[in-house]
Amino acid sequence: MNDDIFTIHVQIGGFPIALSIPRRDEEKYRKAEKMVTKLTETYHNRYNQHAYEDILKLVAFQLAVKVSEYELKEDTAPIAERIKMLEEEVDAVLNQE
């Protein structure tokens, strides 16, 4: 199963990084690299007077906010499903009358 692991090279903040990852996860890592690059460019253009290190801190914070939003959505998904089921049950009862 170790042959499923391979090395990719990404650039984060202009620094090359070699990562050993499962082959099936390559797309996720490439997408993450593009997200970090895009956010870094956006913040660098907006706050070019700040040190690059500070720009990377802003990028890390923005991505943490996105993860937090995603986790909140995931936490409410079962509730939303249950509400939908209850609505369907209520509709079924009302339609019987």
PDB file of N, CA and C in Angstrom:
ATOM      1  N   MET A   1       0.809  -1.186   0.000  1.00  0.00           N
ATOM      2  CA  MET A   1       0.000   0.000   0.000  1.00  0.00           C
ATOM      3  C   MET A   1       0.862   1.264   0.000  1.00  0.00           C
ATOM      4  N   ASN A   2       2.151   1.156   0.333  1.00  0.00           N
ATOM      5  CA  ASN A   2       3.044   2.312   0.303  1.00  0.00           C
ATOM      6  C   ASN A   2       3.233   2.870  -1.095  1.00  0.00           C
ATOM      7  N   ASP A   3       3.025   2.034  -2.141  1.00  0.00           N
ATOM      8  CA  ASP A   3       3.165   2.550  -3.496  1.00  0.00           C
ATOM      9  C   ASP A   3       2.033   3.526  -3.822  1.00  0.00           C
ATOM     10  N   ASP A   4       1.038   3.626  -2.948  1.00  0.00           N
ATOM     11  CA  ASP A   4      -0.052   4.570  -3.100  1.00  0.00           C
ATOM     12  C   ASP A   4       0.382   5.978  -2.679  1.00  0.00           C
ATOM     13  N   ILE A   5       1.515   6.091  -1.997  1.00  0.00           N
ATOM     14  CA  ILE A   5       2.054   7.373  -1.540  1.00  0.00           C
ATOM     15  C   ILE A   5       3.060   7.871  -2.579  1.00  0.00           C
ATOM     16  N   PHE A   6       2.963   9.166  -2.907  1.00  0.00           N
ATOM     17  CA  PHE A   6       3.957   9.737  -3.803  1.00  0.00           C
ATOM     18  C   PHE A   6       4.228  11.179  -3.406  1.00  0.00           C
ATOM     19  N   THR A   7       5.234  11.766  -3.997  1.00  0.00           N
ATOM     20  CA  THR A   7       5.671  13.110  -3.635  1.00  0.00           C
ATOM     21  C   THR A   7       5.199  14.114  -4.675  1.00  0.00           C
ATOM     22  N   ILE A   8       4.612  15.195  -4.189  1.00  0.00           N
ATOM     23  CA  ILE A   8       4.285  16.314  -5.067  1.00  0.00           C
ATOM     24  C   ILE A   8       5.066  17.525  -4.576  1.00  0.00           C
ATOM     25  N   HIS A   9       5.239  18.480  -5.470  1.00  0.00           N
ATOM     26  CA  HIS A   9       5.941  19.714  -5.137  1.00  0.00           C
ATOM     27  C   HIS A   9       4.955  20.867  -5.286  1.00  0.00           C
ATOM     28  N   VAL A  10       4.814  21.633  -4.225  1.00  0.00           N
ATOM     29  CA  VAL A  10       3.919  22.786  -4.241  1.00  0.00           C
ATOM     30  C   VAL A  10       4.704  24.028  -3.855  1.00  0.00           C
ATOM     31  N   GLN A  11       4.123  25.178  -4.168  1.00  0.00           N
ATOM     32  CA  GLN A  11       4.717  26.460  -3.781  1.00  0.00           C
ATOM     33  C   GLN A  11       3.750  27.150  -2.833  1.00  0.00           C
ATOM     34  N   ILE A  12       4.202  27.446  -1.640  1.00  0.00           N
ATOM     35  CA  ILE A  12       3.393  28.169  -0.667  1.00  0.00           C
ATOM     36  C   ILE A  12       4.152  29.438  -0.302  1.00  0.00           C
ATOM     37  N   GLY A  13       3.569  30.560  -0.643  1.00  0.00           N
ATOM     38  CA  GLY A  13       4.218  31.831  -0.350  1.00  0.00           C
ATOM     39  C   GLY A  13       5.570  31.966  -1.024  1.00  0.00           C
ATOM     40  N   GLY A  14       5.703  31.367  -2.204  1.00  0.00           N
ATOM     41  CA  GLY A  14       6.956  31.442  -2.935  1.00  0.00           C
ATOM     42  C   GLY A  14       8.002  30.439  -2.499  1.00  0.00           C
ATOM     43  N   PHE A  15       7.671  29.608  -1.547  1.00  0.00           N
ATOM     44  CA  PHE A  15       8.615  28.614  -1.051  1.00  0.00           C
ATOM     45  C   PHE A  15       8.224  27.231  -1.563  1.00  0.00           C
ATOM     46  N   PRO A  16       9.170  26.542  -2.210  1.00  0.00           N
ATOM     47  CA  PRO A  16       8.863  25.190  -2.684  1.00  0.00           C
ATOM     48  C   PRO A  16       8.813  24.210  -1.515  1.00  0.00           C
ATOM     49  N   ILE A  17       7.807  23.346  -1.555  1.00  0.00           N
ATOM     50  CA  ILE A  17       7.635  22.349  -0.506  1.00  0.00           C
ATOM     51  C   ILE A  17       7.350  21.007  -1.164  1.00  0.00           C
ATOM     52  N   ALA A  18       8.052  19.974  -0.725  1.00  0.00           N
ATOM     53  CA  ALA A  18       7.790  18.614  -1.197  1.00  0.00           C
ATOM     54  C   ALA A  18       6.930  17.919  -0.150  1.00  0.00           C
ATOM     55  N   LEU A  19       5.843  17.321  -0.600  1.00  0.00           N
ATOM     56  CA  LEU A  19       4.917  16.637   0.302  1.00  0.00           C
ATOM     57  C   LEU A  19       4.714  15.199  -0.153  1.00  0.00           C
ATOM     58  N   SER A  20       4.748  14.276   0.774  1.00  0.00           N
ATOM     59  CA  SER A  20       4.406  12.885   0.481  1.00  0.00           C
ATOM     60  C   SER A  20       2.946  12.694   0.859  1.00  0.00           C
ATOM     61  N   ILE A  21       2.138  12.365  -0.143  1.00  0.00           N
ATOM     62  CA  ILE A  21       0.693  12.275   0.069  1.00  0.00           C
ATOM     63  C   ILE A  21       0.133  11.032  -0.601  1.00  0.00           C
ATOM     64  N   PRO A  22      -1.056  10.598  -0.179  1.00  0.00           N
ATOM     65  CA  PRO A  22      -1.730   9.522  -0.908  1.00  0.00           C
ATOM     66  C   PRO A  22      -2.097  10.021  -2.312  1.00  0.00           C
ATOM     67  N   ARG A  23      -1.879   9.205  -3.294  1.00  0.00           N
ATOM     68  CA  ARG A  23      -2.148   9.584  -4.683  1.00  0.00           C
ATOM     69  C   ARG A  23      -3.595  10.065  -4.856  1.00  0.00           C
ATOM     70  N   ARG A  24      -4.531   9.434  -4.159  1.00  0.00           N
ATOM     71  CA  ARG A  24      -5.946   9.788  -4.307  1.00  0.00           C
ATOM     72  C   ARG A  24      -6.248  11.208  -3.812  1.00  0.00           C
ATOM     73  N   ASP A  25      -5.348  11.790  -3.014  1.00  0.00           N
ATOM     74  CA  ASP A  25      -5.570  13.130  -2.466  1.00  0.00           C
ATOM     75  C   ASP A  25      -4.888  14.238  -3.262  1.00  0.00           C
ATOM     76  N   GLU A  26      -4.257  13.902  -4.361  1.00  0.00           N
ATOM     77  CA  GLU A  26      -3.494  14.909  -5.106  1.00  0.00           C
ATOM     78  C   GLU A  26      -4.359  16.103  -5.507  1.00  0.00           C
ATOM     79  N   GLU A  27      -5.547  15.854  -5.998  1.00  0.00           N
ATOM     80  CA  GLU A  27      -6.412  16.946  -6.441  1.00  0.00           C
ATOM     81  C   GLU A  27      -6.707  17.927  -5.303  1.00  0.00           C
ATOM     82  N   LYS A  28      -6.952  17.399  -4.102  1.00  0.00           N
ATOM     83  CA  LYS A  28      -7.212  18.267  -2.943  1.00  0.00           C
ATOM     84  C   LYS A  28      -6.012  19.156  -2.648  1.00  0.00           C
ATOM     85  N   TYR A  29      -4.820  18.576  -2.706  1.00  0.00           N
ATOM     86  CA  TYR A  29      -3.611  19.341  -2.403  1.00  0.00           C
ATOM     87  C   TYR A  29      -3.350  20.398  -3.468  1.00  0.00           C
ATOM     88  N   ARG A  30      -3.575  20.049  -4.731  1.00  0.00           N
ATOM     89  CA  ARG A  30      -3.380  21.024  -5.814  1.00  0.00           C
ATOM     90  C   ARG A  30      -4.385  22.171  -5.683  1.00  0.00           C
ATOM     91  N   LYS A  31      -5.621  21.834  -5.345  1.00  0.00           N
ATOM     92  CA  LYS A  31      -6.643  22.866  -5.162  1.00  0.00           C
ATOM     93  C   LYS A  31      -6.282  23.768  -3.985  1.00  0.00           C
ATOM     94  N   ALA A  32      -5.813  23.177  -2.902  1.00  0.00           N
ATOM     95  CA  ALA A  32      -5.405  23.961  -1.731  1.00  0.00           C
ATOM     96  C   ALA A  32      -4.259  24.904  -2.087  1.00  0.00           C
ATOM     97  N   GLU A  33      -3.308  24.407  -2.865  1.00  0.00           N
ATOM     98  CA  GLU A  33      -2.186  25.255  -3.293  1.00  0.00           C
ATOM     99  C   GLU A  33      -2.703  26.459  -4.078  1.00  0.00           C
ATOM    100  N   LYS A  34      -3.655  26.238  -4.980  1.00  0.00           N
ATOM    101  CA  LYS A  34      -4.220  27.337  -5.771  1.00  0.00           C
ATOM    102  C   LYS A  34      -4.972  28.326  -4.884  1.00  0.00           C
ATOM    103  N   MET A  35      -5.707  27.811  -3.897  1.00  0.00           N
ATOM    104  CA  MET A  35      -6.434  28.699  -2.983  1.00  0.00           C
ATOM    105  C   MET A  35      -5.476  29.586  -2.204  1.00  0.00           C
ATOM    106  N   VAL A  36      -4.414  28.990  -1.678  1.00  0.00           N
ATOM    107  CA  VAL A  36      -3.433  29.754  -0.902  1.00  0.00           C
ATOM    108  C   VAL A  36      -2.758  30.790  -1.793  1.00  0.00           C
ATOM    109  N   THR A  37      -2.404  30.399  -3.005  1.00  0.00           N
ATOM    110  CA  THR A  37      -1.753  31.320  -3.935  1.00  0.00           C
ATOM    111  C   THR A  37      -2.666  32.495  -4.258  1.00  0.00           C
ATOM    112  N   LYS A  38      -3.932  32.210  -4.548  1.00  0.00           N
ATOM    113  CA  LYS A  38      -4.884  33.271  -4.892  1.00  0.00           C
ATOM    114  C   LYS A  38      -5.091  34.221  -3.714  1.00  0.00           C
ATOM    115  N   LEU A  39      -5.295  33.666  -2.515  1.00  0.00           N
ATOM    116  CA  LEU A  39      -5.478  34.519  -1.340  1.00  0.00           C
ATOM    117  C   LEU A  39      -4.226  35.336  -1.036  1.00  0.00           C
ATOM    118  N   THR A  40      -3.067  34.717  -1.197  1.00  0.00           N
ATOM    119  CA  THR A  40      -1.810  35.428  -0.955  1.00  0.00           C
ATOM    120  C   THR A  40      -1.681  36.610  -1.903  1.00  0.00           C
ATOM    121  N   GLU A  41      -1.987  36.397  -3.180  1.00  0.00           N
ATOM    122  CA  GLU A  41      -1.915  37.485  -4.161  1.00  0.00           C
ATOM    123  C   GLU A  41      -2.917  38.589  -3.828  1.00  0.00           C
ATOM    124  N   THR A  42      -4.126  38.191  -3.445  1.00  0.00           N
ATOM    125  CA  THR A  42      -5.158  39.173  -3.097  1.00  0.00           C
ATOM    126  C   THR A  42      -4.719  40.035  -1.920  1.00  0.00           C
ATOM    127  N   TYR A  43      -4.267  39.390  -0.849  1.00  0.00           N
ATOM    128  CA  TYR A  43      -3.838  40.145   0.333  1.00  0.00           C
ATOM    129  C   TYR A  43      -2.566  40.948   0.056  1.00  0.00           C
ATOM    130  N   HIS A  44      -1.671  40.411  -0.745  1.00  0.00           N
ATOM    131  CA  HIS A  44      -0.438  41.141  -1.061  1.00  0.00           C
ATOM    132  C   HIS A  44      -0.765  42.415  -1.843  1.00  0.00           C
ATOM    133  N   ASN A  45      -1.701  42.323  -2.780  1.00  0.00           N
ATOM    134  CA  ASN A  45      -2.100  43.508  -3.545  1.00  0.00           C
ATOM    135  C   ASN A  45      -2.807  44.531  -2.664  1.00  0.00           C
ATOM    136  N   ARG A  46      -3.576  44.055  -1.711  1.00  0.00           N
ATOM    137  CA  ARG A  46      -4.353  44.938  -0.844  1.00  0.00           C
ATOM    138  C   ARG A  46      -3.490  45.558   0.259  1.00  0.00           C
ATOM    139  N   TYR A  47      -2.564  44.778   0.790  1.00  0.00           N
ATOM    140  CA  TYR A  47      -1.747  45.215   1.930  1.00  0.00           C
ATOM    141  C   TYR A  47      -0.259  45.109   1.605  1.00  0.00           C
ATOM    142  N   ASN A  48       0.151  45.655   0.475  1.00  0.00           N
ATOM    143  CA  ASN A  48       1.534  45.477   0.021  1.00  0.00           C
ATOM    144  C   ASN A  48       2.566  46.156   0.912  1.00  0.00           C
ATOM    145  N   GLN A  49       2.133  47.006   1.829  1.00  0.00           N
ATOM    146  CA  GLN A  49       3.082  47.647   2.739  1.00  0.00           C
ATOM    147  C   GLN A  49       3.457  46.732   3.906  1.00  0.00           C
ATOM    148  N   HIS A  50       2.721  45.635   4.075  1.00  0.00           N
ATOM    149  CA  HIS A  50       2.990  44.703   5.170  1.00  0.00           C
ATOM    150  C   HIS A  50       4.008  43.647   4.748  1.00  0.00           C
ATOM    151  N   ALA A  51       4.691  43.102   5.731  1.00  0.00           N
ATOM    152  CA  ALA A  51       5.666  42.039   5.477  1.00  0.00           C
ATOM    153  C   ALA A  51       4.944  40.807   4.932  1.00  0.00           C
ATOM    154  N   TYR A  52       5.660  40.062   4.103  1.00  0.00           N
ATOM    155  CA  TYR A  52       5.080  38.865   3.493  1.00  0.00           C
ATOM    156  C   TYR A  52       4.636  37.871   4.561  1.00  0.00           C
ATOM    157  N   GLU A  53       5.367  37.823   5.644  1.00  0.00           N
ATOM    158  CA  GLU A  53       5.013  36.954   6.773  1.00  0.00           C
ATOM    159  C   GLU A  53       3.623  37.312   7.313  1.00  0.00           C
ATOM    160  N   ASP A  54       3.323  38.605   7.386  1.00  0.00           N
ATOM    161  CA  ASP A  54       2.010  39.050   7.855  1.00  0.00           C
ATOM    162  C   ASP A  54       0.914  38.675   6.860  1.00  0.00           C
ATOM    163  N   ILE A  55       1.237  38.749   5.577  1.00  0.00           N
ATOM    164  CA  ILE A  55       0.286  38.356   4.532  1.00  0.00           C
ATOM    165  C   ILE A  55      -0.076  36.883   4.703  1.00  0.00           C
ATOM    166  N   LEU A  56       0.924  36.052   4.948  1.00  0.00           N
ATOM    167  CA  LEU A  56       0.667  34.619   5.130  1.00  0.00           C
ATOM    168  C   LEU A  56      -0.172  34.360   6.380  1.00  0.00           C
ATOM    169  N   LYS A  57       0.009  35.187   7.402  1.00  0.00           N
ATOM    170  CA  LYS A  57      -0.831  35.052   8.601  1.00  0.00           C
ATOM    171  C   LYS A  57      -2.289  35.358   8.271  1.00  0.00           C
ATOM    172  N   LEU A  58      -2.512  36.388   7.459  1.00  0.00           N
ATOM    173  CA  LEU A  58      -3.874  36.722   7.040  1.00  0.00           C
ATOM    174  C   LEU A  58      -4.492  35.585   6.231  1.00  0.00           C
ATOM    175  N   VAL A  59      -3.692  34.990   5.351  1.00  0.00           N
ATOM    176  CA  VAL A  59      -4.169  33.861   4.545  1.00  0.00           C
ATOM    177  C   VAL A  59      -4.549  32.696   5.454  1.00  0.00           C
ATOM    178  N   ALA A  60      -3.697  32.381   6.411  1.00  0.00           N
ATOM    179  CA  ALA A  60      -3.985  31.281   7.338  1.00  0.00           C
ATOM    180  C   ALA A  60      -5.273  31.559   8.104  1.00  0.00           C
ATOM    181  N   PHE A  61      -5.453  32.793   8.535  1.00  0.00           N
ATOM    182  CA  PHE A  61      -6.658  33.140   9.278  1.00  0.00           C
ATOM    183  C   PHE A  61      -7.900  33.014   8.400  1.00  0.00           C
ATOM    184  N   GLN A  62      -7.823  33.506   7.169  1.00  0.00           N
ATOM    185  CA  GLN A  62      -8.967  33.427   6.254  1.00  0.00           C
ATOM    186  C   GLN A  62      -9.353  31.974   5.986  1.00  0.00           C
ATOM    187  N   LEU A  63      -8.369  31.119   5.792  1.00  0.00           N
ATOM    188  CA  LEU A  63      -8.654  29.705   5.556  1.00  0.00           C
ATOM    189  C   LEU A  63      -9.232  29.042   6.807  1.00  0.00           C
ATOM    190  N   ALA A  64      -8.782  29.458   7.979  1.00  0.00           N
ATOM    191  CA  ALA A  64      -9.349  28.927   9.221  1.00  0.00           C
ATOM    192  C   ALA A  64     -10.817  29.331   9.354  1.00  0.00           C
ATOM    193  N   VAL A  65     -11.152  30.538   8.934  1.00  0.00           N
ATOM    194  CA  VAL A  65     -12.549  30.984   8.954  1.00  0.00           C
ATOM    195  C   VAL A  65     -13.387  30.107   8.027  1.00  0.00           C
ATOM    196  N   LYS A  66     -12.860  29.812   6.836  1.00  0.00           N
ATOM    197  CA  LYS A  66     -13.585  28.953   5.892  1.00  0.00           C
ATOM    198  C   LYS A  66     -13.804  27.558   6.472  1.00  0.00           C
ATOM    199  N   VAL A  67     -12.805  27.015   7.123  1.00  0.00           N
ATOM    200  CA  VAL A  67     -12.937  25.698   7.752  1.00  0.00           C
ATOM    201  C   VAL A  67     -14.001  25.756   8.843  1.00  0.00           C
ATOM    202  N   SER A  68     -13.988  26.810   9.630  1.00  0.00           N
ATOM    203  CA  SER A  68     -14.967  26.980  10.701  1.00  0.00           C
ATOM    204  C   SER A  68     -16.384  27.053  10.136  1.00  0.00           C
ATOM    205  N   GLU A  69     -16.564  27.811   9.053  1.00  0.00           N
ATOM    206  CA  GLU A  69     -17.876  27.902   8.406  1.00  0.00           C
ATOM    207  C   GLU A  69     -18.330  26.528   7.925  1.00  0.00           C
ATOM    208  N   TYR A  70     -17.425  25.791   7.322  1.00  0.00           N
ATOM    209  CA  TYR A  70     -17.743  24.457   6.819  1.00  0.00           C
ATOM    210  C   TYR A  70     -18.152  23.536   7.964  1.00  0.00           C
ATOM    211  N   GLU A  71     -17.412  23.591   9.059  1.00  0.00           N
ATOM    212  CA  GLU A  71     -17.728  22.743  10.210  1.00  0.00           C
ATOM    213  C   GLU A  71     -19.097  23.089  10.788  1.00  0.00           C
ATOM    214  N   LEU A  72     -19.439  24.373  10.816  1.00  0.00           N
ATOM    215  CA  LEU A  72     -20.758  24.772  11.310  1.00  0.00           C
ATOM    216  C   LEU A  72     -21.860  24.238  10.406  1.00  0.00           C
ATOM    217  N   LYS A  73     -21.635  24.284   9.095  1.00  0.00           N
ATOM    218  CA  LYS A  73     -22.620  23.746   8.152  1.00  0.00           C
ATOM    219  C   LYS A  73     -22.780  22.250   8.347  1.00  0.00           C
ATOM    220  N   GLU A  74     -21.673  21.565   8.553  1.00  0.00           N
ATOM    221  CA  GLU A  74     -21.716  20.122   8.758  1.00  0.00           C
ATOM    222  C   GLU A  74     -22.467  19.777  10.036  1.00  0.00           C
ATOM    223  N   ASP A  75     -22.309  20.591  11.071  1.00  0.00           N
ATOM    224  CA  ASP A  75     -22.990  20.342  12.339  1.00  0.00           C
ATOM    225  C   ASP A  75     -24.500  20.489  12.206  1.00  0.00           C
ATOM    226  N   THR A  76     -24.946  21.382  11.330  1.00  0.00           N
ATOM    227  CA  THR A  76     -26.377  21.624  11.187  1.00  0.00           C
ATOM    228  C   THR A  76     -27.027  20.746  10.130  1.00  0.00           C
ATOM    229  N   ALA A  77     -26.251  20.053   9.334  1.00  0.00           N
ATOM    230  CA  ALA A  77     -26.815  19.221   8.267  1.00  0.00           C
ATOM    231  C   ALA A  77     -27.788  18.170   8.802  1.00  0.00           C
ATOM    232  N   PRO A  78     -27.457  17.414   9.855  1.00  0.00           N
ATOM    233  CA  PRO A  78     -28.422  16.430  10.361  1.00  0.00           C
ATOM    234  C   PRO A  78     -29.719  17.078  10.854  1.00  0.00           C
ATOM    235  N   ILE A  79     -29.613  18.262  11.421  1.00  0.00           N
ATOM    236  CA  ILE A  79     -30.806  18.965  11.898  1.00  0.00           C
ATOM    237  C   ILE A  79     -31.686  19.350  10.714  1.00  0.00           C
ATOM    238  N   ALA A  80     -31.065  19.870   9.668  1.00  0.00           N
ATOM    239  CA  ALA A  80     -31.818  20.256   8.475  1.00  0.00           C
ATOM    240  C   ALA A  80     -32.504  19.043   7.852  1.00  0.00           C
ATOM    241  N   GLU A  81     -31.816  17.911   7.826  1.00  0.00           N
ATOM    242  CA  GLU A  81     -32.417  16.688   7.292  1.00  0.00           C
ATOM    243  C   GLU A  81     -33.613  16.264   8.133  1.00  0.00           C
ATOM    244  N   ARG A  82     -33.483  16.341   9.431  1.00  0.00           N
ATOM    245  CA  ARG A  82     -34.576  15.947  10.329  1.00  0.00           C
ATOM    246  C   ARG A  82     -35.767  16.881  10.168  1.00  0.00           C
ATOM    247  N   ILE A  83     -35.515  18.172  10.016  1.00  0.00           N
ATOM    248  CA  ILE A  83     -36.597  19.138   9.799  1.00  0.00           C
ATOM    249  C   ILE A  83     -37.329  18.820   8.502  1.00  0.00           C
ATOM    250  N   LYS A  84     -36.583  18.497   7.470  1.00  0.00           N
ATOM    251  CA  LYS A  84     -37.202  18.158   6.186  1.00  0.00           C
ATOM    252  C   LYS A  84     -38.088  16.920   6.330  1.00  0.00           C
ATOM    253  N   MET A  85     -37.604  15.913   7.053  1.00  0.00           N
ATOM    254  CA  MET A  85     -38.399  14.701   7.270  1.00  0.00           C
ATOM    255  C   MET A  85     -39.685  15.029   8.025  1.00  0.00           C
ATOM    256  N   LEU A  86     -39.579  15.872   9.043  1.00  0.00           N
ATOM    257  CA  LEU A  86     -40.758  16.260   9.813  1.00  0.00           C
ATOM    258  C   LEU A  86     -41.753  17.039   8.952  1.00  0.00           C
ATOM    259  N   GLU A  87     -41.253  17.916   8.095  1.00  0.00           N
ATOM    260  CA  GLU A  87     -42.128  18.661   7.187  1.00  0.00           C
ATOM    261  C   GLU A  87     -42.881  17.708   6.269  1.00  0.00           C
ATOM    262  N   GLU A  88     -42.174  16.702   5.760  1.00  0.00           N
ATOM    263  CA  GLU A  88     -42.809  15.722   4.881  1.00  0.00           C
ATOM    264  C   GLU A  88     -43.883  14.937   5.625  1.00  0.00           C
ATOM    265  N   GLU A  89     -43.610  14.583   6.876  1.00  0.00           N
ATOM    266  CA  GLU A  89     -44.601  13.866   7.678  1.00  0.00           C
ATOM    267  C   GLU A  89     -45.831  14.734   7.929  1.00  0.00           C
ATOM    268  N   VAL A  90     -45.613  16.003   8.252  1.00  0.00           N
ATOM    269  CA  VAL A  90     -46.728  16.925   8.478  1.00  0.00           C
ATOM    270  C   VAL A  90     -47.537  17.084   7.197  1.00  0.00           C
ATOM    271  N   ASP A  91     -46.862  17.260   6.067  1.00  0.00           N
ATOM    272  CA  ASP A  91     -47.554  17.375   4.782  1.00  0.00           C
ATOM    273  C   ASP A  91     -48.381  16.135   4.489  1.00  0.00           C
ATOM    274  N   ALA A  92     -47.826  14.962   4.769  1.00  0.00           N
ATOM    275  CA  ALA A  92     -48.544  13.709   4.518  1.00  0.00           C
ATOM    276  C   ALA A  92     -49.801  13.633   5.368  1.00  0.00           C
ATOM    277  N   VAL A  93     -49.703  14.019   6.631  1.00  0.00           N
ATOM    278  CA  VAL A  93     -50.865  13.992   7.519  1.00  0.00           C
ATOM    279  C   VAL A  93     -51.910  15.003   7.051  1.00  0.00           C
ATOM    280  N   LEU A  94     -51.480  16.199   6.696  1.00  0.00           N
ATOM    281  CA  LEU A  94     -52.420  17.232   6.255  1.00  0.00           C
ATOM    282  C   LEU A  94     -53.087  16.860   4.939  1.00  0.00           C
ATOM    283  N   ASN A  95     -52.375  16.187   4.074  1.00  0.00           N
ATOM    284  CA  ASN A  95     -52.939  15.784   2.787  1.00  0.00           C
ATOM    285  C   ASN A  95     -53.930  14.642   2.929  1.00  0.00           C
ATOM    286  N   GLN A  96     -53.860  13.890   4.019  1.00  0.00           N
ATOM    287  CA  GLN A  96     -54.801  12.799   4.254  1.00  0.00           C
ATOM    288  C   GLN A  96     -56.169  13.340   4.635  1.00  0.00           C
ATOM    289  N   GLU A  97     -56.198  14.501   5.223  1.00  0.00           N
ATOM    290  CA  GLU A  97     -57.464  15.054   5.723  1.00  0.00           C
ATOM    291  C   GLU A  97     -58.255  15.715   4.649  1.00  0.00           C
TER     292      GLU A  97
END
